[in-house]
Every structure is written in C-alpha cells, then in structure tokens.
PDB file of N, CA and C in Angstrom:
ATOM      1  N   MET A   1      18.642  -7.268  11.000  1.00  0.00           N
ATOM      2  CA  MET A   1      16.936  -6.659  11.884  1.00  0.00           C
ATOM      3  C   MET A   1      16.398  -7.260  12.388  1.00  0.00           C
ATOM      4  N   SER A   2      15.460  -6.628  13.664  1.00  0.00           N
ATOM      5  CA  SER A   2      14.706  -7.477  14.224  1.00  0.00           C
ATOM      6  C   SER A   2      13.545  -6.371  14.302  1.00  0.00           C
ATOM      7  N   LEU A   3      12.657  -7.305  14.878  1.00  0.00           N
ATOM      8  CA  LEU A   3      11.280  -6.995  15.343  1.00  0.00           C
ATOM      9  C   LEU A   3      11.149  -5.632  16.651  1.00  0.00           C
ATOM     10  N   LYS A   4      12.838  -5.899  16.618  1.00  0.00           N
ATOM     11  CA  LYS A   4      13.310  -4.729  18.009  1.00  0.00           C
ATOM     12  C   LYS A   4      12.832  -3.274  16.901  1.00  0.00           C
ATOM     13  N   GLU A   5      13.615  -3.314  16.064  1.00  0.00           N
ATOM     14  CA  GLU A   5      13.441  -2.000  15.050  1.00  0.00           C
ATOM     15  C   GLU A   5      11.867  -1.174  15.294  1.00  0.00           C
ATOM     16  N   TYR A   6      10.943  -2.268  15.181  1.00  0.00           N
ATOM     17  CA  TYR A   6       9.966  -1.473  15.379  1.00  0.00           C
ATOM     18  C   TYR A   6       8.895  -1.388  16.784  1.00  0.00           C
ATOM     19  N   THR A   7       9.056  -2.380  17.648  1.00  0.00           N
ATOM     20  CA  THR A   7       8.704  -2.387  19.099  1.00  0.00           C
ATOM     21  C   THR A   7       9.656  -1.500  19.912  1.00  0.00           C
ATOM     22  N   ASN A   8      10.579  -1.063  19.741  1.00  0.00           N
ATOM     23  CA  ASN A   8      11.479   0.216  20.527  1.00  0.00           C
ATOM     24  C   ASN A   8      11.363   0.985  20.155  1.00  0.00           C
ATOM     25  N   ASN A   9      10.525   1.473  19.495  1.00  0.00           N
ATOM     26  CA  ASN A   9      10.467   3.059  19.062  1.00  0.00           C
ATOM     27  C   ASN A   9       9.221   3.382  18.871  1.00  0.00           C
ATOM     28  N   THR A  10       8.633   4.787  18.908  1.00  0.00           N
ATOM     29  CA  THR A  10       8.011   5.547  18.648  1.00  0.00           C
ATOM     30  C   THR A  10       7.878   6.321  17.705  1.00  0.00           C
ATOM     31  N   TRP A  11       6.571   6.303  16.610  1.00  0.00           N
ATOM     32  CA  TRP A  11       6.523   6.557  15.253  1.00  0.00           C
ATOM     33  C   TRP A  11       5.658   7.133  15.097  1.00  0.00           C
ATOM     34  N   ARG A  12       5.488   8.411  14.273  1.00  0.00           N
ATOM     35  CA  ARG A  12       4.718   9.585  14.491  1.00  0.00           C
ATOM     36  C   ARG A  12       4.550   9.545  12.651  1.00  0.00           C
ATOM     37  N   VAL A  13       3.408   9.569  12.748  1.00  0.00           N
ATOM     38  CA  VAL A  13       2.879   9.580  10.654  1.00  0.00           C
ATOM     39  C   VAL A  13       3.509  10.346   9.935  1.00  0.00           C
ATOM     40  N   LYS A  14       3.615  10.969   9.127  1.00  0.00           N
ATOM     41  CA  LYS A  14       4.276  12.164   7.927  1.00  0.00           C
ATOM     42  C   LYS A  14       3.211  12.585   7.398  1.00  0.00           C
ATOM     43  N   SER A  15       2.713  11.095   6.745  1.00  0.00           N
ATOM     44  CA  SER A  15       1.780  11.620   5.397  1.00  0.00           C
ATOM     45  C   SER A  15       0.987  10.296   5.177  1.00  0.00           C
ATOM     46  N   ALA A  16      -0.134  10.601   4.701  1.00  0.00           N
ATOM     47  CA  ALA A  16      -1.140   9.206   4.566  1.00  0.00           C
ATOM     48  C   ALA A  16      -2.266   9.632   3.474  1.00  0.00           C
ATOM     49  N   GLY A  17      -2.570   8.332   2.827  1.00  0.00           N
ATOM     50  CA  GLY A  17      -3.662   8.903   1.936  1.00  0.00           C
ATOM     51  C   GLY A  17      -4.552   9.176   2.469  1.00  0.00           C
ATOM     52  N   PRO A  18      -6.101   9.636   1.008  1.00  0.00           N
ATOM     53  CA  PRO A  18      -7.015  10.002   1.992  1.00  0.00           C
ATOM     54  C   PRO A  18      -8.173   8.973   2.419  1.00  0.00           C
ATOM     55  N   LEU A  19      -7.937   7.625   1.842  1.00  0.00           N
ATOM     56  CA  LEU A  19      -8.809   6.671   2.428  1.00  0.00           C
ATOM     57  C   LEU A  19      -7.844   6.377   4.215  1.00  0.00           C
ATOM     58  N   SER A  20      -6.432   6.836   4.223  1.00  0.00           N
ATOM     59  CA  SER A  20      -6.507   6.026   5.354  1.00  0.00           C
ATOM     60  C   SER A  20      -6.312   6.386   6.923  1.00  0.00           C
ATOM     61  N   THR A  21      -6.299   5.188   7.453  1.00  0.00           N
ATOM     62  CA  THR A  21      -7.265   5.320   8.875  1.00  0.00           C
ATOM     63  C   THR A  21      -6.083   6.208   9.657  1.00  0.00           C
ATOM     64  N   CYS A  22      -5.068   6.294   9.518  1.00  0.00           N
ATOM     65  CA  CYS A  22      -3.728   7.067  10.376  1.00  0.00           C
ATOM     66  C   CYS A  22      -3.955   8.388   9.468  1.00  0.00           C
ATOM     67  N   LYS A  23      -3.749   9.613  10.151  1.00  0.00           N
ATOM     68  CA  LYS A  23      -3.508  10.883   9.907  1.00  0.00           C
ATOM     69  C   LYS A  23      -2.313  11.232  10.072  1.00  0.00           C
ATOM     70  N   PRO A  24      -1.831  12.360   9.207  1.00  0.00           N
ATOM     71  CA  PRO A  24      -1.000  13.042   9.284  1.00  0.00           C
ATOM     72  C   PRO A  24      -0.767  13.769  11.709  1.00  0.00           C
ATOM     73  N   GLY A  25       0.654  13.237  12.004  1.00  0.00           N
ATOM     74  CA  GLY A  25       0.473  13.492  13.799  1.00  0.00           C
ATOM     75  C   GLY A  25       0.466  12.285  14.891  1.00  0.00           C
ATOM     76  N   ASP A  26      -0.438  11.472  14.238  1.00  0.00           N
ATOM     77  CA  ASP A  26      -0.894  10.497  15.247  1.00  0.00           C
ATOM     78  C   ASP A  26       0.515   9.784  15.149  1.00  0.00           C
ATOM     79  N   GLN A  27       0.787   8.593  16.482  1.00  0.00           N
ATOM     80  CA  GLN A  27       0.880   8.169  17.106  1.00  0.00           C
ATOM     81  C   GLN A  27       1.099   7.223  16.838  1.00  0.00           C
ATOM     82  N   ILE A  28       1.970   5.935  16.140  1.00  0.00           N
ATOM     83  CA  ILE A  28       1.992   4.703  16.174  1.00  0.00           C
ATOM     84  C   ILE A  28       3.116   3.840  17.310  1.00  0.00           C
ATOM     85  N   ASN A  29       3.054   2.743  17.177  1.00  0.00           N
ATOM     86  CA  ASN A  29       3.557   1.259  18.377  1.00  0.00           C
ATOM     87  C   ASN A  29       2.972   0.104  17.726  1.00  0.00           C
ATOM     88  N   PHE A  30       4.047  -0.358  18.201  1.00  0.00           N
ATOM     89  CA  PHE A  30       3.847  -1.955  17.768  1.00  0.00           C
ATOM     90  C   PHE A  30       4.734  -2.292  19.364  1.00  0.00           C
ATOM     91  N   SER A  31       3.783  -3.877  18.897  1.00  0.00           N
ATOM     92  CA  SER A  31       4.372  -4.762  20.688  1.00  0.00           C
ATOM     93  C   SER A  31       3.775  -6.029  19.984  1.00  0.00           C
ATOM     94  N   GLY A  32       4.663  -7.264  20.364  1.00  0.00           N
ATOM     95  CA  GLY A  32       3.767  -8.382  20.049  1.00  0.00           C
ATOM     96  C   GLY A  32       5.065  -9.014  19.785  1.00  0.00           C
ATOM     97  N   VAL A  33       5.009 -10.176  19.111  1.00  0.00           N
ATOM     98  CA  VAL A  33       5.928 -11.718  19.446  1.00  0.00           C
ATOM     99  C   VAL A  33       6.029 -11.344  17.859  1.00  0.00           C
ATOM    100  N   PRO A  34       7.032 -11.875  16.869  1.00  0.00           N
ATOM    101  CA  PRO A  34       7.461 -12.549  15.383  1.00  0.00           C
ATOM    102  C   PRO A  34       6.162 -12.667  14.952  1.00  0.00           C
ATOM    103  N   ASP A  35       5.209 -13.883  15.495  1.00  0.00           N
ATOM    104  CA  ASP A  35       4.369 -14.234  15.499  1.00  0.00           C
ATOM    105  C   ASP A  35       2.853 -13.713  15.284  1.00  0.00           C
ATOM    106  N   LYS A  36       2.933 -12.975  15.771  1.00  0.00           N
ATOM    107  CA  LYS A  36       1.239 -11.990  15.925  1.00  0.00           C
ATOM    108  C   LYS A  36       1.636 -10.676  16.804  1.00  0.00           C
ATOM    109  N   VAL A  37       1.880  -9.749  15.680  1.00  0.00           N
ATOM    110  CA  VAL A  37       2.352  -8.227  15.966  1.00  0.00           C
ATOM    111  C   VAL A  37       0.989  -7.260  16.460  1.00  0.00           C
ATOM    112  N   SER A  38       1.057  -6.986  16.946  1.00  0.00           N
ATOM    113  CA  SER A  38      -0.552  -5.472  17.068  1.00  0.00           C
ATOM    114  C   SER A  38       0.239  -4.343  16.783  1.00  0.00           C
ATOM    115  N   ILE A  39      -0.526  -3.546  16.061  1.00  0.00           N
ATOM    116  CA  ILE A  39      -0.344  -1.631  15.388  1.00  0.00           C
ATOM    117  C   ILE A  39      -1.010  -0.883  16.720  1.00  0.00           C
ATOM    118  N   TYR A  40      -0.732  -0.149  16.863  1.00  0.00           N
ATOM    119  CA  TYR A  40      -1.384   0.408  17.969  1.00  0.00           C
ATOM    120  C   TYR A  40      -1.028   2.424  17.130  1.00  0.00           C
ATOM    121  N   ARG A  41      -2.626   2.809  16.724  1.00  0.00           N
ATOM    122  CA  ARG A  41      -2.439   4.056  16.743  1.00  0.00           C
ATOM    123  C   ARG A  41      -3.352   4.859  17.616  1.00  0.00           C
ATOM    124  N   ASN A  42      -2.271   5.984  18.450  1.00  0.00           N
ATOM    125  CA  ASN A  42      -2.653   6.694  19.600  1.00  0.00           C
ATOM    126  C   ASN A  42      -3.343   6.019  20.548  1.00  0.00           C
ATOM    127  N   LYS A  43      -2.497   4.722  20.491  1.00  0.00           N
ATOM    128  CA  LYS A  43      -2.767   4.040  21.834  1.00  0.00           C
ATOM    129  C   LYS A  43      -3.927   2.673  21.752  1.00  0.00           C
ATOM    130  N   VAL A  44      -4.746   3.183  20.591  1.00  0.00           N
ATOM    131  CA  VAL A  44      -5.848   2.114  20.099  1.00  0.00           C
ATOM    132  C   VAL A  44      -5.414   1.033  19.158  1.00  0.00           C
ATOM    133  N   ILE A  45      -5.260  -0.169  19.563  1.00  0.00           N
ATOM    134  CA  ILE A  45      -5.400  -0.973  18.343  1.00  0.00           C
ATOM    135  C   ILE A  45      -5.826  -0.730  16.946  1.00  0.00           C
ATOM    136  N   ALA A  46      -4.829  -0.997  15.786  1.00  0.00           N
ATOM    137  CA  ALA A  46      -5.507  -0.001  14.874  1.00  0.00           C
ATOM    138  C   ALA A  46      -5.392  -1.607  13.976  1.00  0.00           C
ATOM    139  N   TYR A  47      -4.211  -2.709  14.052  1.00  0.00           N
ATOM    140  CA  TYR A  47      -4.340  -3.846  13.108  1.00  0.00           C
ATOM    141  C   TYR A  47      -3.623  -4.649  13.906  1.00  0.00           C
ATOM    142  N   GLN A  48      -4.414  -6.041  13.522  1.00  0.00           N
ATOM    143  CA  GLN A  48      -3.518  -6.905  14.443  1.00  0.00           C
ATOM    144  C   GLN A  48      -3.542  -8.153  13.554  1.00  0.00           C
ATOM    145  N   ASP A  49      -2.780  -9.303  14.352  1.00  0.00           N
ATOM    146  CA  ASP A  49      -2.408 -10.576  13.762  1.00  0.00           C
ATOM    147  C   ASP A  49      -1.194 -10.013  12.268  1.00  0.00           C
ATOM    148  N   GLY A  50      -0.501  -9.069  12.508  1.00  0.00           N
ATOM    149  CA  GLY A  50       0.903  -8.970  11.720  1.00  0.00           C
ATOM    150  C   GLY A  50       1.637  -9.942  12.355  1.00  0.00           C
ATOM    151  N   ARG A  51       2.470 -10.474  10.972  1.00  0.00           N
ATOM    152  CA  ARG A  51       3.240 -11.881  11.456  1.00  0.00           C
ATOM    153  C   ARG A  51       4.870 -10.409  11.124  1.00  0.00           C
ATOM    154  N   TYR A  52       5.773 -10.800  11.574  1.00  0.00           N
ATOM    155  CA  TYR A  52       7.354 -10.071  11.154  1.00  0.00           C
ATOM    156  C   TYR A  52       8.146 -11.086  10.554  1.00  0.00           C
ATOM    157  N   HIS A  53       8.853 -10.775   9.550  1.00  0.00           N
ATOM    158  CA  HIS A  53       9.502 -11.195   8.749  1.00  0.00           C
ATOM    159  C   HIS A  53      10.741 -10.913   8.616  1.00  0.00           C
ATOM    160  N   GLU A  54      11.575 -11.515   9.359  1.00  0.00           N
ATOM    161  CA  GLU A  54      13.038 -11.122   9.228  1.00  0.00           C
ATOM    162  C   GLU A  54      14.140 -11.234   8.323  1.00  0.00           C
ATOM    163  N   ILE A  55      13.934 -12.028   6.968  1.00  0.00           N
ATOM    164  CA  ILE A  55      14.014 -11.715   5.968  1.00  0.00           C
ATOM    165  C   ILE A  55      13.880 -10.453   5.187  1.00  0.00           C
ATOM    166  N   THR A  56      13.253 -10.257   4.954  1.00  0.00           N
ATOM    167  CA  THR A  56      12.525  -8.808   4.757  1.00  0.00           C
ATOM    168  C   THR A  56      12.366  -7.793   5.892  1.00  0.00           C
ATOM    169  N   ASN A  57      12.566  -8.215   6.290  1.00  0.00           N
ATOM    170  CA  ASN A  57      12.211  -6.554   7.697  1.00  0.00           C
ATOM    171  C   ASN A  57      10.906  -5.923   7.821  1.00  0.00           C
ATOM    172  N   THR A  58      10.052  -6.342   7.542  1.00  0.00           N
ATOM    173  CA  THR A  58       9.104  -5.980   7.460  1.00  0.00           C
ATOM    174  C   THR A  58       7.269  -6.850   8.557  1.00  0.00           C
ATOM    175  N   ILE A  59       6.073  -6.828   8.142  1.00  0.00           N
ATOM    176  CA  ILE A  59       5.033  -6.680   9.098  1.00  0.00           C
ATOM    177  C   ILE A  59       4.027  -7.661   7.965  1.00  0.00           C
ATOM    178  N   LYS A  60       3.695  -8.070   8.326  1.00  0.00           N
ATOM    179  CA  LYS A  60       2.199  -8.953   6.841  1.00  0.00           C
ATOM    180  C   LYS A  60       1.962  -9.088   7.477  1.00  0.00           C
ATOM    181  N   ARG A  61       0.569  -8.665   7.163  1.00  0.00           N
ATOM    182  CA  ARG A  61      -0.964  -9.513   7.230  1.00  0.00           C
ATOM    183  C   ARG A  61      -1.734  -9.990   6.033  1.00  0.00           C
ATOM    184  N   GLU A  62      -1.084 -11.447   5.982  1.00  0.00           N
ATOM    185  CA  GLU A  62      -1.512 -11.928   4.361  1.00  0.00           C
ATOM    186  C   GLU A  62      -3.196 -11.421   3.922  1.00  0.00           C
ATOM    187  N   ASN A  63      -2.953 -10.253   2.986  1.00  0.00           N
ATOM    188  CA  ASN A  63      -4.002 -10.306   2.111  1.00  0.00           C
ATOM    189  C   ASN A  63      -4.829  -9.170   2.635  1.00  0.00           C
ATOM    190  N   ASP A  64      -4.130  -8.313   3.271  1.00  0.00           N
ATOM    191  CA  ASP A  64      -4.187  -7.578   3.939  1.00  0.00           C
ATOM    192  C   ASP A  64      -3.592  -5.997   4.048  1.00  0.00           C
ATOM    193  N   TYR A  65      -2.137  -6.384   4.390  1.00  0.00           N
ATOM    194  CA  TYR A  65      -1.489  -5.405   4.877  1.00  0.00           C
ATOM    195  C   TYR A  65      -0.112  -5.333   4.847  1.00  0.00           C
ATOM    196  N   VAL A  66       0.987  -4.545   4.706  1.00  0.00           N
ATOM    197  CA  VAL A  66       2.726  -4.638   5.079  1.00  0.00           C
ATOM    198  C   VAL A  66       3.205  -3.398   5.412  1.00  0.00           C
ATOM    199  N   ILE A  67       3.769  -3.854   6.535  1.00  0.00           N
ATOM    200  CA  ILE A  67       4.624  -2.640   6.756  1.00  0.00           C
ATOM    201  C   ILE A  67       6.190  -2.776   6.443  1.00  0.00           C
ATOM    202  N   MET A  68       6.836  -1.749   6.030  1.00  0.00           N
ATOM    203  CA  MET A  68       8.230  -1.936   6.164  1.00  0.00           C
ATOM    204  C   MET A  68       9.034  -1.162   6.573  1.00  0.00           C
ATOM    205  N   MET A  69      10.757  -0.850   6.078  1.00  0.00           N
ATOM    206  CA  MET A  69      11.825   0.004   6.417  1.00  0.00           C
ATOM    207  C   MET A  69      11.818   0.721   5.028  1.00  0.00           C
ATOM    208  N   ILE A  70      11.482   2.027   5.061  1.00  0.00           N
ATOM    209  CA  ILE A  70      11.785   2.876   3.562  1.00  0.00           C
ATOM    210  C   ILE A  70      13.141   3.859   4.036  1.00  0.00           C
ATOM    211  N   GLY A  71      13.812   3.928   4.620  1.00  0.00           N
ATOM    212  CA  GLY A  71      14.471   4.767   5.365  1.00  0.00           C
ATOM    213  C   GLY A  71      15.622   4.587   6.280  1.00  0.00           C
ATOM    214  N   GLU A  72      16.272   4.694   6.707  1.00  0.00           N
ATOM    215  CA  GLU A  72      17.610   4.719   7.736  1.00  0.00           C
ATOM    216  C   GLU A  72      17.686   6.278   8.447  1.00  0.00           C
ATOM    217  N   PHE A  73      17.865   7.500   7.822  1.00  0.00           N
ATOM    218  CA  PHE A  73      18.759   8.689   7.846  1.00  0.00           C
ATOM    219  C   PHE A  73      17.246   9.845   7.858  1.00  0.00           C
ATOM    220  N   PRO A  74      16.427  10.312   8.324  1.00  0.00           N
ATOM    221  CA  PRO A  74      15.250   9.586   9.231  1.00  0.00           C
ATOM    222  C   PRO A  74      14.711   8.038   9.344  1.00  0.00           C
ATOM    223  N   GLN A  75      14.863   7.517  10.372  1.00  0.00           N
ATOM    224  CA  GLN A  75      14.353   6.087  10.022  1.00  0.00           C
ATOM    225  C   GLN A  75      12.725   6.273   9.598  1.00  0.00           C
ATOM    226  N   LEU A  76      12.223   5.842   8.473  1.00  0.00           N
ATOM    227  CA  LEU A  76      11.319   6.098   8.275  1.00  0.00           C
ATOM    228  C   LEU A  76      10.433   3.946   8.134  1.00  0.00           C
ATOM    229  N   ILE A  77       9.101   4.507   8.007  1.00  0.00           N
ATOM    230  CA  ILE A  77       8.416   3.105   7.969  1.00  0.00           C
ATOM    231  C   ILE A  77       7.190   3.324   7.035  1.00  0.00           C
ATOM    232  N   THR A  78       6.312   2.692   6.123  1.00  0.00           N
ATOM    233  CA  THR A  78       5.647   2.637   5.139  1.00  0.00           C
ATOM    234  C   THR A  78       4.504   1.784   5.512  1.00  0.00           C
ATOM    235  N   PHE A  79       3.155   1.947   5.617  1.00  0.00           N
ATOM    236  CA  PHE A  79       1.790   1.180   5.484  1.00  0.00           C
ATOM    237  C   PHE A  79       1.687   1.084   4.289  1.00  0.00           C
ATOM    238  N   ASN A  80       0.919  -0.408   3.813  1.00  0.00           N
ATOM    239  CA  ASN A  80       0.243  -0.367   2.113  1.00  0.00           C
ATOM    240  C   ASN A  80      -0.883  -1.350   2.192  1.00  0.00           C
ATOM    241  N   GLN A  81      -1.929  -1.444   1.962  1.00  0.00           N
ATOM    242  CA  GLN A  81      -2.898  -2.396   1.721  1.00  0.00           C
ATOM    243  C   GLN A  81      -2.560  -3.168   0.657  1.00  0.00           C
ATOM    244  N   GLN A  82      -2.730  -3.807   0.847  1.00  0.00           N
ATOM    245  CA  GLN A  82      -2.198  -5.424  -0.058  1.00  0.00           C
ATOM    246  C   GLN A  82      -3.075  -5.417  -0.560  1.00  0.00           C
ATOM    247  N   ASP A  83      -4.298  -5.574  -0.861  1.00  0.00           N
ATOM    248  CA  ASP A  83      -6.059  -5.805  -1.502  1.00  0.00           C
ATOM    249  C   ASP A  83      -6.474  -4.970  -2.778  1.00  0.00           C
ATOM    250  N   SER A  84      -5.327  -3.880  -2.230  1.00  0.00           N
ATOM    251  CA  SER A  84      -5.436  -2.407  -2.964  1.00  0.00           C
ATOM    252  C   SER A  84      -4.754  -2.311  -4.567  1.00  0.00           C
ATOM    253  N   ASP A  85      -5.546  -1.525  -5.766  1.00  0.00           N
ATOM    254  CA  ASP A  85      -4.277  -1.448  -6.224  1.00  0.00           C
ATOM    255  C   ASP A  85      -3.485   0.498  -6.215  1.00  0.00           C
ATOM    256  N   SER A  86      -4.709   1.142  -5.585  1.00  0.00           N
ATOM    257  CA  SER A  86      -4.213   2.239  -5.114  1.00  0.00           C
ATOM    258  C   SER A  86      -3.954   2.350  -3.759  1.00  0.00           C
ATOM    259  N   ASP A  87      -2.565   3.352  -3.758  1.00  0.00           N
ATOM    260  CA  ASP A  87      -2.058   4.220  -2.135  1.00  0.00           C
ATOM    261  C   ASP A  87      -2.729   5.469  -1.110  1.00  0.00           C
ATOM    262  N   ASP A  88      -3.906   5.050  -1.780  1.00  0.00           N
ATOM    263  CA  ASP A  88      -5.041   6.109  -0.457  1.00  0.00           C
ATOM    264  C   ASP A  88      -5.017   5.847   0.716  1.00  0.00           C
ATOM    265  N   GLY A  89      -5.259   4.567   0.738  1.00  0.00           N
ATOM    266  CA  GLY A  89      -4.885   3.777   2.358  1.00  0.00           C
ATOM    267  C   GLY A  89      -3.657   3.612   2.755  1.00  0.00           C
ATOM    268  N   SER A  90      -2.810   4.398   2.500  1.00  0.00           N
ATOM    269  CA  SER A  90      -1.163   4.085   2.455  1.00  0.00           C
ATOM    270  C   SER A  90      -0.821   5.496   4.055  1.00  0.00           C
ATOM    271  N   TRP A  91      -0.295   5.080   4.292  1.00  0.00           N
ATOM    272  CA  TRP A  91       0.753   6.222   4.983  1.00  0.00           C
ATOM    273  C   TRP A  91       2.000   5.847   5.021  1.00  0.00           C
ATOM    274  N   THR A  92       2.982   7.140   5.679  1.00  0.00           N
ATOM    275  CA  THR A  92       4.343   6.714   6.178  1.00  0.00           C
ATOM    276  C   THR A  92       4.631   7.434   7.692  1.00  0.00           C
ATOM    277  N   ALA A  93       4.882   6.823   8.253  1.00  0.00           N
ATOM    278  CA  ALA A  93       5.828   7.517   9.509  1.00  0.00           C
ATOM    279  C   ALA A  93       7.319   7.529   9.726  1.00  0.00           C
ATOM    280  N   GLU A  94       7.557   8.419  10.459  1.00  0.00           N
ATOM    281  CA  GLU A  94       8.949   8.887  11.280  1.00  0.00           C
ATOM    282  C   GLU A  94       9.414   8.142  12.749  1.00  0.00           C
ATOM    283  N   ASP A  95      10.352   7.573  12.550  1.00  0.00           N
ATOM    284  CA  ASP A  95      10.948   7.727  14.480  1.00  0.00           C
ATOM    285  C   ASP A  95      11.069   9.142  14.943  1.00  0.00           C
ATOM    286  N   GLN A  96      10.121   9.081  16.094  1.00  0.00           N
ATOM    287  CA  GLN A  96      10.174   9.904  16.452  1.00  0.00           C
ATOM    288  C   GLN A  96      11.081   9.690  18.214  1.00  0.00           C
ATOM    289  N   THR A  97      11.354   8.572  18.418  1.00  0.00           N
ATOM    290  CA  THR A  97      12.429   7.696  19.964  1.00  0.00           C
ATOM    291  C   THR A  97      13.933   8.581  19.613  1.00  0.00           C
ATOM    292  N   PRO A  98      13.479   9.975  21.257  1.00  0.00           N
ATOM    293  CA  PRO A  98      15.072  10.238  21.190  1.00  0.00           C
ATOM    294  C   PRO A  98      16.349   9.469  20.876  1.00  0.00           C
ATOM    295  N   ALA A  99      17.069  10.158  20.958  1.00  0.00           N
ATOM    296  CA  ALA A  99      18.244   9.668  20.337  1.00  0.00           C
ATOM    297  C   ALA A  99      19.036   8.763  22.382  1.00  0.00           C
ATOM    298  N   ALA A 100      19.205   8.136  21.844  1.00  0.00           N
ATOM    299  CA  ALA A 100      20.050   7.360  23.469  1.00  0.00           C
ATOM    300  C   ALA A 100      20.988   8.590  23.896  1.00  0.00           C
ATOM    301  N   GLY A 101      20.650   8.882  25.274  1.00  0.00           N
ATOM    302  CA  GLY A 101      22.094   9.469  26.257  1.00  0.00           C
ATOM    303  C   GLY A 101      21.726  11.230  25.678  1.00  0.00           C
ATOM    304  N   GLY A 102      21.068  11.784  25.205  1.00  0.00           N
ATOM    305  CA  GLY A 102      20.387  12.897  24.424  1.00  0.00           C
ATOM    306  C   GLY A 102      19.219  13.652  24.605  1.00  0.00           C
ATOM    307  N   GLY A 103      18.592  14.376  23.968  1.00  0.00           N
ATOM    308  CA  GLY A 103      17.702  15.388  23.788  1.00  0.00           C
ATOM    309  C   GLY A 103      16.792  15.042  22.849  1.00  0.00           C
TER     310      GLY A 103
END
C-alpha cells in the first residue's frame, strides 16, 4: 500500500459526527509527500502536516488526527481526532474516483 491510494483518489464524505468540520457530501483530496501530507475539504486545506505511515497505511498528525483505510469494496477512509475520547468530530469518506476505462 502507498500514499497514492489516498492522493490518486477523490473522496466524498458519507457520514460525519456533529462536531466535524466535514459534512456529508464534502469532497476530500490529499496531496504531498509522505512526510508532509495536506488534506483538502472542498479544495481548501482542512488539515496540514500529516505524515504517511506505510506499515499501517495511515496518515497521522501526532496528538491531533489519524486517517485510515477501513474498507476495500467500496474503498473507505475514516478520520478520527486523537485528542478526544468522543467520535463527534470524526468522518467517513468513500472513494468516488471513476473506474479505469469506464463509467
């Protein structure tokens, strides 16, 4: 697995906690290099300075957030605040990238 699984795809928020800055329908995109990943919400930077961890296939900013793959068909990612015992600020997004060679 690689950072490209995040950066080459377009993601759409499917569900979000009541305190999340992301809302259902928001578009999520990733850019950067493993040591400096930026997360965009509707083409505006929402989170910065994430680090991609290849072993766990996660993007983390220590004591702030973690983003991880949670499904393959459909491909899903989830965002969780690390400094909270609640998931009120969490969100889940689904890959919306068109399949290669088709529709």
